[in-house]
Amino acid sequence: MARTEKIYIYGASGHGLVCEDVAKNMG
């Protein structure tokens, strides 16, 4: 699940390190 969220945000946002923070903030 964590990996899927990371990839989703990574592709949508386009960031790398922030994607992890965003995923945690999102839930």
N, C-alpha and C. Protein backbone atom coordinates (compact mmCIF):
# COMPACT_ATOMS: atom_id res chain seq x y z
N MET A 1 0.85 -1.20 0.00
CA MET A 1 0.00 0.00 0.00
C MET A 1 0.88 1.25 0.00
N ALA A 2 1.84 1.27 0.90
CA ALA A 2 2.73 2.44 1.01
C ALA A 2 3.41 2.69 -0.33
N ARG A 3 3.83 1.61 -0.98
CA ARG A 3 4.55 1.77 -2.24
C ARG A 3 3.60 2.37 -3.30
N THR A 4 2.41 1.87 -3.36
CA THR A 4 1.45 2.37 -4.35
C THR A 4 1.19 3.86 -4.13
N GLU A 5 1.00 4.24 -2.88
CA GLU A 5 0.74 5.66 -2.59
C GLU A 5 1.94 6.49 -3.01
N LYS A 6 3.12 5.99 -2.71
CA LYS A 6 4.35 6.73 -3.07
C LYS A 6 4.40 6.96 -4.57
N ILE A 7 4.19 5.90 -5.32
CA ILE A 7 4.26 6.01 -6.78
C ILE A 7 3.17 6.96 -7.28
N TYR A 8 1.97 6.84 -6.72
CA TYR A 8 0.85 7.68 -7.16
C TYR A 8 1.20 9.15 -6.98
N ILE A 9 1.67 9.49 -5.79
CA ILE A 9 2.01 10.89 -5.50
C ILE A 9 3.23 11.30 -6.34
N TYR A 10 4.18 10.38 -6.48
CA TYR A 10 5.40 10.68 -7.22
C TYR A 10 5.05 11.08 -8.66
N GLY A 11 4.11 10.37 -9.24
CA GLY A 11 3.74 10.66 -10.63
C GLY A 11 2.85 11.89 -10.71
N ALA A 12 1.97 12.05 -9.73
CA ALA A 12 1.04 13.18 -9.76
C ALA A 12 1.78 14.48 -9.41
N SER A 13 2.55 14.43 -8.33
CA SER A 13 3.25 15.64 -7.90
C SER A 13 4.53 15.81 -8.72
N GLY A 14 5.31 14.74 -8.82
CA GLY A 14 6.55 14.83 -9.58
C GLY A 14 7.74 15.03 -8.66
N HIS A 15 7.52 14.93 -7.36
CA HIS A 15 8.61 15.10 -6.41
C HIS A 15 9.17 13.73 -6.04
N GLY A 16 10.09 13.70 -5.08
CA GLY A 16 10.67 12.41 -4.67
C GLY A 16 10.67 12.28 -3.17
N LEU A 17 11.28 13.25 -2.49
CA LEU A 17 11.35 13.18 -1.04
C LEU A 17 10.06 13.70 -0.43
N VAL A 18 9.44 14.65 -1.10
CA VAL A 18 8.20 15.23 -0.59
C VAL A 18 7.07 14.21 -0.69
N CYS A 19 7.12 13.36 -1.70
CA CYS A 19 6.06 12.37 -1.91
C CYS A 19 5.84 11.57 -0.64
N GLU A 20 6.90 11.26 0.07
CA GLU A 20 6.77 10.47 1.30
C GLU A 20 6.04 11.29 2.36
N ASP A 21 6.41 12.54 2.51
CA ASP A 21 5.75 13.41 3.50
C ASP A 21 4.28 13.59 3.15
N VAL A 22 4.00 13.80 1.90
CA VAL A 22 2.61 14.01 1.47
C VAL A 22 1.79 12.76 1.76
N ALA A 23 2.35 11.60 1.48
CA ALA A 23 1.63 10.35 1.70
C ALA A 23 1.30 10.20 3.18
N LYS A 24 2.24 10.58 4.03
CA LYS A 24 2.01 10.47 5.48
C LYS A 24 0.95 11.47 5.90
N ASN A 25 1.01 12.66 5.37
CA ASN A 25 0.04 13.70 5.74
C ASN A 25 -1.35 13.32 5.23
N MET A 26 -1.40 12.78 4.04
CA MET A 26 -2.68 12.39 3.45
C MET A 26 -3.31 11.27 4.27
N GLY A 27 -2.45 10.36 4.77
CA GLY A 27 -2.98 9.24 5.54
C GLY A 27 -2.22 8.00 5.19
